[in-house]
């Protein structure tokens, strides 16, 4: 579980990020979940944009991804954007998680 300081740090890092993944009318498919999981493994922090055609709400998407992807957590939900965080399993990709652990 992320603390307030950790979430604030992740939000500050995501402020300049562009959405990496978009969710549209196809909904929460296996391909979408796999894409988010791979992006989380490589980057640890992923911004997901929900298009106007998406039937799900950002809260539903965040909760679904947190249940489906082991270790994934919602760092922020604002408007039609969801910010997801997960510590990478490979040490070479663990850049943000080192700084997040210091704040915890």
PDB file of N, CA and C in Angstrom:
ATOM      1  N   UNK A   1       0.834  -1.179   0.000  1.00  0.00           N
ATOM      2  CA  UNK A   1       0.000   0.000   0.000  1.00  0.00           C
ATOM      3  C   UNK A   1       0.881   1.246   0.000  1.00  0.00           C
ATOM      4  N   UNK A   2       0.559   2.173  -0.849  1.00  0.00           N
ATOM      5  CA  UNK A   2       1.332   3.402  -0.967  1.00  0.00           C
ATOM      6  C   UNK A   2       0.922   4.401   0.108  1.00  0.00           C
ATOM      7  N   UNK A   3       1.929   5.078   0.685  1.00  0.00           N
ATOM      8  CA  UNK A   3       1.652   6.126   1.661  1.00  0.00           C
ATOM      9  C   UNK A   3       1.345   7.425   0.924  1.00  0.00           C
ATOM     10  N   UNK A   4       0.926   8.426   1.661  1.00  0.00           N
ATOM     11  CA  UNK A   4       0.628   9.724   1.067  1.00  0.00           C
ATOM     12  C   UNK A   4       1.853  10.358   0.420  1.00  0.00           C
ATOM     13  N   UNK A   5       3.005  10.246   1.083  1.00  0.00           N
ATOM     14  CA  UNK A   5       4.242  10.806   0.531  1.00  0.00           C
ATOM     15  C   UNK A   5       4.623  10.107  -0.770  1.00  0.00           C
ATOM     16  N   UNK A   6       4.468   8.795  -0.797  1.00  0.00           N
ATOM     17  CA  UNK A   6       4.805   8.030  -1.997  1.00  0.00           C
ATOM     18  C   UNK A   6       3.882   8.410  -3.151  1.00  0.00           C
ATOM     19  N   UNK A   7       2.585   8.540  -2.885  1.00  0.00           N
ATOM     20  CA  UNK A   7       1.644   8.928  -3.937  1.00  0.00           C
ATOM     21  C   UNK A   7       1.956  10.329  -4.455  1.00  0.00           C
ATOM     22  N   UNK A   8       2.291  11.233  -3.553  1.00  0.00           N
ATOM     23  CA  UNK A   8       2.623  12.594  -3.956  1.00  0.00           C
ATOM     24  C   UNK A   8       3.859  12.607  -4.848  1.00  0.00           C
ATOM     25  N   UNK A   9       4.866  11.798  -4.498  1.00  0.00           N
ATOM     26  CA  UNK A   9       6.078  11.692  -5.309  1.00  0.00           C
ATOM     27  C   UNK A   9       5.751  11.148  -6.700  1.00  0.00           C
ATOM     28  N   UNK A  10       4.938  10.095  -6.769  1.00  0.00           N
ATOM     29  CA  UNK A  10       4.570   9.497  -8.054  1.00  0.00           C
ATOM     30  C   UNK A  10       3.748  10.468  -8.901  1.00  0.00           C
ATOM     31  N   UNK A  11       2.854  11.211  -8.275  1.00  0.00           N
ATOM     32  CA  UNK A  11       2.068  12.201  -9.009  1.00  0.00           C
ATOM     33  C   UNK A  11       2.962  13.282  -9.586  1.00  0.00           C
ATOM     34  N   UNK A  12       3.984  13.683  -8.835  1.00  0.00           N
ATOM     35  CA  UNK A  12       4.895  14.717  -9.348  1.00  0.00           C
ATOM     36  C   UNK A  12       5.685  14.196 -10.538  1.00  0.00           C
ATOM     37  N   UNK A  13       6.075  12.928 -10.512  1.00  0.00           N
ATOM     38  CA  UNK A  13       6.784  12.321 -11.642  1.00  0.00           C
ATOM     39  C   UNK A  13       5.881  12.187 -12.858  1.00  0.00           C
ATOM     40  N   UNK A  14       4.616  11.922 -12.633  1.00  0.00           N
ATOM     41  CA  UNK A  14       3.676  11.695 -13.736  1.00  0.00           C
ATOM     42  C   UNK A  14       3.135  12.993 -14.316  1.00  0.00           C
ATOM     43  N   UNK A  15       3.389  14.106 -13.656  1.00  0.00           N
ATOM     44  CA  UNK A  15       2.838  15.382 -14.090  1.00  0.00           C
ATOM     45  C   UNK A  15       3.229  15.727 -15.524  1.00  0.00           C
ATOM     46  N   UNK A  16       4.456  15.432 -15.914  1.00  0.00           N
ATOM     47  CA  UNK A  16       4.922  15.759 -17.261  1.00  0.00           C
ATOM     48  C   UNK A  16       4.787  14.596 -18.236  1.00  0.00           C
ATOM     49  N   UNK A  17       4.357  13.437 -17.745  1.00  0.00           N
ATOM     50  CA  UNK A  17       4.201  12.261 -18.621  1.00  0.00           C
ATOM     51  C   UNK A  17       2.976  12.416 -19.515  1.00  0.00           C
ATOM     52  N   UNK A  18       3.080  11.843 -20.701  1.00  0.00           N
ATOM     53  CA  UNK A  18       1.914  11.729 -21.577  1.00  0.00           C
ATOM     54  C   UNK A  18       1.317  10.337 -21.350  1.00  0.00           C
ATOM     55  N   UNK A  19       0.014  10.182 -21.546  1.00  0.00           N
ATOM     56  CA  UNK A  19      -0.601   8.859 -21.390  1.00  0.00           C
ATOM     57  C   UNK A  19       0.053   7.830 -22.318  1.00  0.00           C
ATOM     58  N   UNK A  20       0.437   6.712 -21.759  1.00  0.00           N
ATOM     59  CA  UNK A  20       1.115   5.662 -22.512  1.00  0.00           C
ATOM     60  C   UNK A  20       0.113   4.683 -23.119  1.00  0.00           C
ATOM     61  N   UNK A  21      -1.003   4.476 -22.430  1.00  0.00           N
ATOM     62  CA  UNK A  21      -2.006   3.509 -22.863  1.00  0.00           C
ATOM     63  C   UNK A  21      -3.358   4.215 -22.904  1.00  0.00           C
ATOM     64  N   UNK A  22      -4.159   3.895 -23.917  1.00  0.00           N
ATOM     65  CA  UNK A  22      -5.512   4.451 -24.027  1.00  0.00           C
ATOM     66  C   UNK A  22      -6.532   3.323 -24.020  1.00  0.00           C
ATOM     67  N   UNK A  23      -7.634   3.564 -23.343  1.00  0.00           N
ATOM     68  CA  UNK A  23      -8.720   2.591 -23.275  1.00  0.00           C
ATOM     69  C   UNK A  23      -9.903   3.166 -24.036  1.00  0.00           C
ATOM     70  N   UNK A  24     -10.390   2.406 -25.011  1.00  0.00           N
ATOM     71  CA  UNK A  24     -11.503   2.867 -25.831  1.00  0.00           C
ATOM     72  C   UNK A  24     -12.688   1.948 -25.741  1.00  0.00           C
ATOM     73  N   UNK A  25     -13.370   1.800 -26.880  1.00  0.00           N
ATOM     74  CA  UNK A  25     -14.619   1.035 -26.903  1.00  0.00           C
ATOM     75  C   UNK A  25     -14.408  -0.465 -26.751  1.00  0.00           C
ATOM     76  N   UNK A  26     -13.176  -0.965 -26.961  1.00  0.00           N
ATOM     77  CA  UNK A  26     -12.924  -2.399 -26.796  1.00  0.00           C
ATOM     78  C   UNK A  26     -12.960  -2.833 -25.338  1.00  0.00           C
ATOM     79  N   UNK A  27     -12.838  -1.902 -24.434  1.00  0.00           N
ATOM     80  CA  UNK A  27     -12.971  -2.203 -23.012  1.00  0.00           C
ATOM     81  C   UNK A  27     -11.758  -2.892 -22.420  1.00  0.00           C
ATOM     82  N   UNK A  28     -11.991  -3.532 -21.306  1.00  0.00           N
ATOM     83  CA  UNK A  28     -10.924  -4.172 -20.535  1.00  0.00           C
ATOM     84  C   UNK A  28     -10.640  -5.575 -21.062  1.00  0.00           C
ATOM     85  N   UNK A  29     -10.002  -5.660 -22.198  1.00  0.00           N
ATOM     86  CA  UNK A  29      -9.690  -6.947 -22.810  1.00  0.00           C
ATOM     87  C   UNK A  29      -8.389  -7.498 -22.238  1.00  0.00           C
ATOM     88  N   UNK A  30      -8.117  -8.755 -22.553  1.00  0.00           N
ATOM     89  CA  UNK A  30      -6.869  -9.379 -22.119  1.00  0.00           C
ATOM     90  C   UNK A  30      -5.663  -8.677 -22.731  1.00  0.00           C
ATOM     91  N   UNK A  31      -5.798  -8.218 -23.971  1.00  0.00           N
ATOM     92  CA  UNK A  31      -4.708  -7.502 -24.637  1.00  0.00           C
ATOM     93  C   UNK A  31      -4.399  -6.193 -23.918  1.00  0.00           C
ATOM     94  N   UNK A  32      -5.428  -5.491 -23.478  1.00  0.00           N
ATOM     95  CA  UNK A  32      -5.232  -4.239 -22.748  1.00  0.00           C
ATOM     96  C   UNK A  32      -4.495  -4.499 -21.435  1.00  0.00           C
ATOM     97  N   UNK A  33      -4.923  -5.517 -20.698  1.00  0.00           N
ATOM     98  CA  UNK A  33      -4.302  -5.849 -19.414  1.00  0.00           C
ATOM     99  C   UNK A  33      -2.851  -6.264 -19.619  1.00  0.00           C
ATOM    100  N   UNK A  34      -2.580  -7.072 -20.659  1.00  0.00           N
ATOM    101  CA  UNK A  34      -1.209  -7.490 -20.956  1.00  0.00           C
ATOM    102  C   UNK A  34      -0.330  -6.299 -21.309  1.00  0.00           C
ATOM    103  N   UNK A  35      -0.868  -5.365 -22.077  1.00  0.00           N
ATOM    104  CA  UNK A  35      -0.118  -4.168 -22.452  1.00  0.00           C
ATOM    105  C   UNK A  35       0.234  -3.313 -21.246  1.00  0.00           C
ATOM    106  N   UNK A  36      -0.715  -3.160 -20.340  1.00  0.00           N
ATOM    107  CA  UNK A  36      -0.461  -2.383 -19.123  1.00  0.00           C
ATOM    108  C   UNK A  36       0.560  -3.099 -18.246  1.00  0.00           C
ATOM    109  N   UNK A  37       0.445  -4.419 -18.121  1.00  0.00           N
ATOM    110  CA  UNK A  37       1.384  -5.181 -17.297  1.00  0.00           C
ATOM    111  C   UNK A  37       2.814  -5.077 -17.842  1.00  0.00           C
ATOM    112  N   UNK A  38       2.971  -5.168 -19.157  1.00  0.00           N
ATOM    113  CA  UNK A  38       4.305  -5.041 -19.765  1.00  0.00           C
ATOM    114  C   UNK A  38       4.858  -3.636 -19.586  1.00  0.00           C
ATOM    115  N   UNK A  39       4.009  -2.639 -19.728  1.00  0.00           N
ATOM    116  CA  UNK A  39       4.448  -1.252 -19.537  1.00  0.00           C
ATOM    117  C   UNK A  39       4.847  -1.000 -18.086  1.00  0.00           C
ATOM    118  N   UNK A  40       4.100  -1.575 -17.142  1.00  0.00           N
ATOM    119  CA  UNK A  40       4.458  -1.430 -15.732  1.00  0.00           C
ATOM    120  C   UNK A  40       5.782  -2.106 -15.422  1.00  0.00           C
ATOM    121  N   UNK A  41       6.048  -3.236 -16.051  1.00  0.00           N
ATOM    122  CA  UNK A  41       7.305  -3.940 -15.828  1.00  0.00           C
ATOM    123  C   UNK A  41       8.480  -3.118 -16.334  1.00  0.00           C
ATOM    124  N   UNK A  42       8.307  -2.452 -17.457  1.00  0.00           N
ATOM    125  CA  UNK A  42       9.409  -1.698 -18.049  1.00  0.00           C
ATOM    126  C   UNK A  42       9.583  -0.313 -17.422  1.00  0.00           C
ATOM    127  N   UNK A  43       8.474   0.315 -16.995  1.00  0.00           N
ATOM    128  CA  UNK A  43       8.541   1.714 -16.542  1.00  0.00           C
ATOM    129  C   UNK A  43       8.174   1.941 -15.090  1.00  0.00           C
ATOM    130  N   UNK A  44       7.452   1.021 -14.479  1.00  0.00           N
ATOM    131  CA  UNK A  44       6.964   1.099 -13.103  1.00  0.00           C
ATOM    132  C   UNK A  44       5.830   2.106 -12.891  1.00  0.00           C
ATOM    133  N   UNK A  45       5.700   3.094 -13.752  1.00  0.00           N
ATOM    134  CA  UNK A  45       4.652   4.098 -13.623  1.00  0.00           C
ATOM    135  C   UNK A  45       4.016   4.320 -14.992  1.00  0.00           C
ATOM    136  N   UNK A  46       2.713   4.121 -15.071  1.00  0.00           N
ATOM    137  CA  UNK A  46       2.015   4.206 -16.358  1.00  0.00           C
ATOM    138  C   UNK A  46       0.785   5.093 -16.205  1.00  0.00           C
ATOM    139  N   UNK A  47       0.627   5.999 -17.153  1.00  0.00           N
ATOM    140  CA  UNK A  47      -0.544   6.860 -17.200  1.00  0.00           C
ATOM    141  C   UNK A  47      -1.479   6.304 -18.272  1.00  0.00           C
ATOM    142  N   UNK A  48      -2.738   6.067 -17.884  1.00  0.00           N
ATOM    143  CA  UNK A  48      -3.735   5.483 -18.773  1.00  0.00           C
ATOM    144  C   UNK A  48      -4.833   6.515 -19.016  1.00  0.00           C
ATOM    145  N   UNK A  49      -5.128   6.744 -20.272  1.00  0.00           N
ATOM    146  CA  UNK A  49      -6.164   7.696 -20.651  1.00  0.00           C
ATOM    147  C   UNK A  49      -7.406   6.930 -21.105  1.00  0.00           C
ATOM    148  N   UNK A  50      -8.566   7.337 -20.605  1.00  0.00           N
ATOM    149  CA  UNK A  50      -9.824   6.740 -21.031  1.00  0.00           C
ATOM    150  C   UNK A  50     -10.450   7.639 -22.089  1.00  0.00           C
ATOM    151  N   UNK A  51     -10.674   7.079 -23.257  1.00  0.00           N
ATOM    152  CA  UNK A  51     -11.299   7.837 -24.335  1.00  0.00           C
ATOM    153  C   UNK A  51     -12.782   8.014 -24.044  1.00  0.00           C
ATOM    154  N   UNK A  52     -13.428   8.914 -24.761  1.00  0.00           N
ATOM    155  CA  UNK A  52     -14.854   9.179 -24.547  1.00  0.00           C
ATOM    156  C   UNK A  52     -15.711   7.962 -24.879  1.00  0.00           C
ATOM    157  N   UNK A  53     -15.200   7.074 -25.738  1.00  0.00           N
ATOM    158  CA  UNK A  53     -15.971   5.888 -26.130  1.00  0.00           C
ATOM    159  C   UNK A  53     -15.902   4.768 -25.096  1.00  0.00           C
ATOM    160  N   UNK A  54     -15.041   4.901 -24.099  1.00  0.00           N
ATOM    161  CA  UNK A  54     -14.913   3.855 -23.078  1.00  0.00           C
ATOM    162  C   UNK A  54     -16.153   3.842 -22.192  1.00  0.00           C
ATOM    163  N   UNK A  55     -16.664   2.655 -21.938  1.00  0.00           N
ATOM    164  CA  UNK A  55     -17.867   2.515 -21.121  1.00  0.00           C
ATOM    165  C   UNK A  55     -17.550   2.494 -19.635  1.00  0.00           C
ATOM    166  N   UNK A  56     -16.314   2.158 -19.269  1.00  0.00           N
ATOM    167  CA  UNK A  56     -15.909   2.059 -17.874  1.00  0.00           C
ATOM    168  C   UNK A  56     -15.529   3.435 -17.330  1.00  0.00           C
ATOM    169  N   UNK A  57     -15.637   3.568 -16.014  1.00  0.00           N
ATOM    170  CA  UNK A  57     -15.185   4.792 -15.360  1.00  0.00           C
ATOM    171  C   UNK A  57     -13.721   4.609 -14.961  1.00  0.00           C
ATOM    172  N   UNK A  58     -12.994   5.692 -14.716  1.00  0.00           N
ATOM    173  CA  UNK A  58     -11.597   5.559 -14.278  1.00  0.00           C
ATOM    174  C   UNK A  58     -11.452   4.753 -12.984  1.00  0.00           C
ATOM    175  N   UNK A  59     -12.395   4.905 -12.067  1.00  0.00           N
ATOM    176  CA  UNK A  59     -12.343   4.150 -10.817  1.00  0.00           C
ATOM    177  C   UNK A  59     -12.489   2.649 -11.082  1.00  0.00           C
ATOM    178  N   UNK A  60     -13.372   2.281 -11.998  1.00  0.00           N
ATOM    179  CA  UNK A  60     -13.556   0.869 -12.342  1.00  0.00           C
ATOM    180  C   UNK A  60     -12.301   0.298 -12.990  1.00  0.00           C
ATOM    181  N   UNK A  61     -11.690   1.068 -13.889  1.00  0.00           N
ATOM    182  CA  UNK A  61     -10.477   0.607 -14.572  1.00  0.00           C
ATOM    183  C   UNK A  61      -9.346   0.412 -13.569  1.00  0.00           C
ATOM    184  N   UNK A  62      -9.160   1.376 -12.677  1.00  0.00           N
ATOM    185  CA  UNK A  62      -8.104   1.269 -11.671  1.00  0.00           C
ATOM    186  C   UNK A  62      -8.297   0.078 -10.754  1.00  0.00           C
ATOM    187  N   UNK A  63      -9.511  -0.114 -10.292  1.00  0.00           N
ATOM    188  CA  UNK A  63      -9.806  -1.248  -9.409  1.00  0.00           C
ATOM    189  C   UNK A  63      -9.608  -2.578 -10.130  1.00  0.00           C
ATOM    190  N   UNK A  64     -10.047  -2.651 -11.390  1.00  0.00           N
ATOM    191  CA  UNK A  64      -9.892  -3.888 -12.170  1.00  0.00           C
ATOM    192  C   UNK A  64      -8.415  -4.219 -12.372  1.00  0.00           C
ATOM    193  N   UNK A  65      -7.612  -3.217 -12.765  1.00  0.00           N
ATOM    194  CA  UNK A  65      -6.182  -3.460 -12.988  1.00  0.00           C
ATOM    195  C   UNK A  65      -5.465  -3.817 -11.695  1.00  0.00           C
ATOM    196  N   UNK A  66      -5.847  -3.201 -10.584  1.00  0.00           N
ATOM    197  CA  UNK A  66      -5.224  -3.519  -9.293  1.00  0.00           C
ATOM    198  C   UNK A  66      -5.536  -4.960  -8.883  1.00  0.00           C
ATOM    199  N   UNK A  67      -6.740  -5.446  -9.221  1.00  0.00           N
ATOM    200  CA  UNK A  67      -7.093  -6.847  -8.917  1.00  0.00           C
ATOM    201  C   UNK A  67      -6.413  -7.815  -9.865  1.00  0.00           C
ATOM    202  N   UNK A  68      -6.292  -7.444 -11.141  1.00  0.00           N
ATOM    203  CA  UNK A  68      -5.824  -8.355 -12.180  1.00  0.00           C
ATOM    204  C   UNK A  68      -4.303  -8.475 -12.234  1.00  0.00           C
ATOM    205  N   UNK A  69      -3.602  -7.373 -12.077  1.00  0.00           N
ATOM    206  CA  UNK A  69      -2.136  -7.367 -12.180  1.00  0.00           C
ATOM    207  C   UNK A  69      -1.560  -7.423 -10.769  1.00  0.00           C
ATOM    208  N   UNK A  70      -0.825  -8.490 -10.445  1.00  0.00           N
ATOM    209  CA  UNK A  70      -0.272  -8.623  -9.091  1.00  0.00           C
ATOM    210  C   UNK A  70       0.684  -7.472  -8.757  1.00  0.00           C
ATOM    211  N   UNK A  71       0.459  -6.849  -7.616  1.00  0.00           N
ATOM    212  CA  UNK A  71       1.333  -5.784  -7.141  1.00  0.00           C
ATOM    213  C   UNK A  71       1.022  -4.403  -7.684  1.00  0.00           C
ATOM    214  N   UNK A  72       0.087  -4.296  -8.625  1.00  0.00           N
ATOM    215  CA  UNK A  72      -0.252  -2.996  -9.212  1.00  0.00           C
ATOM    216  C   UNK A  72      -1.135  -2.211  -8.256  1.00  0.00           C
ATOM    217  N   UNK A  73      -0.879  -0.896  -8.194  1.00  0.00           N
ATOM    218  CA  UNK A  73      -1.643  -0.026  -7.318  1.00  0.00           C
ATOM    219  C   UNK A  73      -2.015   1.242  -8.060  1.00  0.00           C
ATOM    220  N   UNK A  74      -3.137   1.808  -7.691  1.00  0.00           N
ATOM    221  CA  UNK A  74      -3.566   3.076  -8.274  1.00  0.00           C
ATOM    222  C   UNK A  74      -2.907   4.196  -7.472  1.00  0.00           C
ATOM    223  N   UNK A  75      -2.115   5.024  -8.159  1.00  0.00           N
ATOM    224  CA  UNK A  75      -1.471   6.152  -7.498  1.00  0.00           C
ATOM    225  C   UNK A  75      -2.363   7.388  -7.559  1.00  0.00           C
ATOM    226  N   UNK A  76      -3.163   7.505  -8.625  1.00  0.00           N
ATOM    227  CA  UNK A  76      -4.036   8.663  -8.774  1.00  0.00           C
ATOM    228  C   UNK A  76      -5.109   8.383  -9.816  1.00  0.00           C
ATOM    229  N   UNK A  77      -6.279   8.941  -9.591  1.00  0.00           N
ATOM    230  CA  UNK A  77      -7.349   8.959 -10.584  1.00  0.00           C
ATOM    231  C   UNK A  77      -7.832  10.394 -10.660  1.00  0.00           C
ATOM    232  N   UNK A  78      -7.686  10.998 -11.819  1.00  0.00           N
ATOM    233  CA  UNK A  78      -8.111  12.378 -11.986  1.00  0.00           C
ATOM    234  C   UNK A  78      -8.729  12.530 -13.374  1.00  0.00           C
ATOM    235  N   UNK A  79      -9.938  13.035 -13.424  1.00  0.00           N
ATOM    236  CA  UNK A  79     -10.642  13.165 -14.694  1.00  0.00           C
ATOM    237  C   UNK A  79     -10.824  11.812 -15.350  1.00  0.00           C
ATOM    238  N   UNK A  80     -10.380  11.690 -16.576  1.00  0.00           N
ATOM    239  CA  UNK A  80     -10.457  10.419 -17.308  1.00  0.00           C
ATOM    240  C   UNK A  80      -9.071   9.788 -17.432  1.00  0.00           C
ATOM    241  N   UNK A  81      -8.232  10.009 -16.424  1.00  0.00           N
ATOM    242  CA  UNK A  81      -6.872   9.492 -16.424  1.00  0.00           C
ATOM    243  C   UNK A  81      -6.617   8.701 -15.146  1.00  0.00           C
ATOM    244  N   UNK A  82      -5.950   7.558 -15.303  1.00  0.00           N
ATOM    245  CA  UNK A  82      -5.591   6.699 -14.179  1.00  0.00           C
ATOM    246  C   UNK A  82      -4.075   6.549 -14.174  1.00  0.00           C
ATOM    247  N   UNK A  83      -3.476   6.687 -13.011  1.00  0.00           N
ATOM    248  CA  UNK A  83      -2.030   6.528 -12.852  1.00  0.00           C
ATOM    249  C   UNK A  83      -1.781   5.253 -12.059  1.00  0.00           C
ATOM    250  N   UNK A  84      -1.098   4.295 -12.690  1.00  0.00           N
ATOM    251  CA  UNK A  84      -0.829   2.998 -12.053  1.00  0.00           C
ATOM    252  C   UNK A  84       0.650   2.868 -11.741  1.00  0.00           C
ATOM    253  N   UNK A  85       0.960   2.208 -10.606  1.00  0.00           N
ATOM    254  CA  UNK A  85       2.343   1.973 -10.186  1.00  0.00           C
ATOM    255  C   UNK A  85       2.498   0.517  -9.791  1.00  0.00           C
ATOM    256  N   UNK A  86       3.650  -0.047 -10.155  1.00  0.00           N
ATOM    257  CA  UNK A  86       4.025  -1.386  -9.690  1.00  0.00           C
ATOM    258  C   UNK A  86       5.537  -1.491  -9.713  1.00  0.00           C
ATOM    259  N   UNK A  87       6.103  -2.041  -8.681  1.00  0.00           N
ATOM    260  CA  UNK A  87       7.553  -2.241  -8.613  1.00  0.00           C
ATOM    261  C   UNK A  87       7.952  -3.290  -9.644  1.00  0.00           C
ATOM    262  N   UNK A  88       8.990  -2.992 -10.427  1.00  0.00           N
ATOM    263  CA  UNK A  88       9.463  -3.918 -11.458  1.00  0.00           C
ATOM    264  C   UNK A  88      10.150  -5.117 -10.810  1.00  0.00           C
ATOM    265  N   UNK A  89      10.017  -6.266 -11.424  1.00  0.00           N
ATOM    266  CA  UNK A  89      10.642  -7.466 -10.874  1.00  0.00           C
ATOM    267  C   UNK A  89      12.124  -7.544 -11.231  1.00  0.00           C
ATOM    268  N   UNK A  90      12.503  -6.973 -12.376  1.00  0.00           N
ATOM    269  CA  UNK A  90      13.912  -6.981 -12.788  1.00  0.00           C
ATOM    270  C   UNK A  90      14.618  -5.761 -12.207  1.00  0.00           C
ATOM    271  N   UNK A  91      15.793  -5.979 -11.657  1.00  0.00           N
ATOM    272  CA  UNK A  91      16.534  -4.915 -10.991  1.00  0.00           C
ATOM    273  C   UNK A  91      16.930  -3.793 -11.952  1.00  0.00           C
ATOM    274  N   UNK A  92      17.144  -4.117 -13.218  1.00  0.00           N
ATOM    275  CA  UNK A  92      17.556  -3.107 -14.194  1.00  0.00           C
ATOM    276  C   UNK A  92      16.456  -2.082 -14.475  1.00  0.00           C
ATOM    277  N   UNK A  93      15.195  -2.430 -14.196  1.00  0.00           N
ATOM    278  CA  UNK A  93      14.072  -1.521 -14.427  1.00  0.00           C
ATOM    279  C   UNK A  93      13.635  -0.789 -13.161  1.00  0.00           C
ATOM    280  N   UNK A  94      14.260  -1.108 -12.026  1.00  0.00           N
ATOM    281  CA  UNK A  94      13.851  -0.519 -10.751  1.00  0.00           C
ATOM    282  C   UNK A  94      14.534   0.822 -10.535  1.00  0.00           C
ATOM    283  N   UNK A  95      13.949   1.860 -11.089  1.00  0.00           N
ATOM    284  CA  UNK A  95      14.475   3.207 -10.896  1.00  0.00           C
ATOM    285  C   UNK A  95      13.583   3.982  -9.929  1.00  0.00           C
ATOM    286  N   UNK A  96      12.307   4.000 -10.206  1.00  0.00           N
ATOM    287  CA  UNK A  96      11.367   4.711  -9.345  1.00  0.00           C
ATOM    288  C   UNK A  96      11.157   4.007  -8.011  1.00  0.00           C
ATOM    289  N   UNK A  97      11.132   2.688  -8.017  1.00  0.00           N
ATOM    290  CA  UNK A  97      10.811   1.943  -6.794  1.00  0.00           C
ATOM    291  C   UNK A  97      11.857   2.151  -5.713  1.00  0.00           C
ATOM    292  N   UNK A  98      13.108   2.429  -6.093  1.00  0.00           N
ATOM    293  CA  UNK A  98      14.157   2.699  -5.104  1.00  0.00           C
ATOM    294  C   UNK A  98      13.830   3.993  -4.363  1.00  0.00           C
ATOM    295  N   UNK A  99      13.426   5.018  -5.117  1.00  0.00           N
ATOM    296  CA  UNK A  99      13.086   6.302  -4.508  1.00  0.00           C
ATOM    297  C   UNK A  99      11.773   6.213  -3.709  1.00  0.00           C
ATOM    298  N   UNK A 100      10.820   5.437  -4.209  1.00  0.00           N
ATOM    299  CA  UNK A 100       9.556   5.262  -3.504  1.00  0.00           C
ATOM    300  C   UNK A 100       9.781   4.543  -2.181  1.00  0.00           C
ATOM    301  N   UNK A 101      10.664   3.555  -2.165  1.00  0.00           N
ATOM    302  CA  UNK A 101      10.951   2.808  -0.937  1.00  0.00           C
ATOM    303  C   UNK A 101      11.586   3.711   0.118  1.00  0.00           C
ATOM    304  N   UNK A 102      12.391   4.666  -0.288  1.00  0.00           N
ATOM    305  CA  UNK A 102      13.016   5.595   0.667  1.00  0.00           C
ATOM    306  C   UNK A 102      11.976   6.459   1.364  1.00  0.00           C
ATOM    307  N   UNK A 103      10.888   6.772   0.657  1.00  0.00           N
ATOM    308  CA  UNK A 103       9.841   7.620   1.226  1.00  0.00           C
ATOM    309  C   UNK A 103       8.935   6.863   2.190  1.00  0.00           C
ATOM    310  N   UNK A 104       8.905   5.555   2.067  1.00  0.00           N
ATOM    311  CA  UNK A 104       8.003   4.735   2.871  1.00  0.00           C
ATOM    312  C   UNK A 104       8.504   4.551   4.219  1.00  0.00           C
TER     313      UNK A 104
END
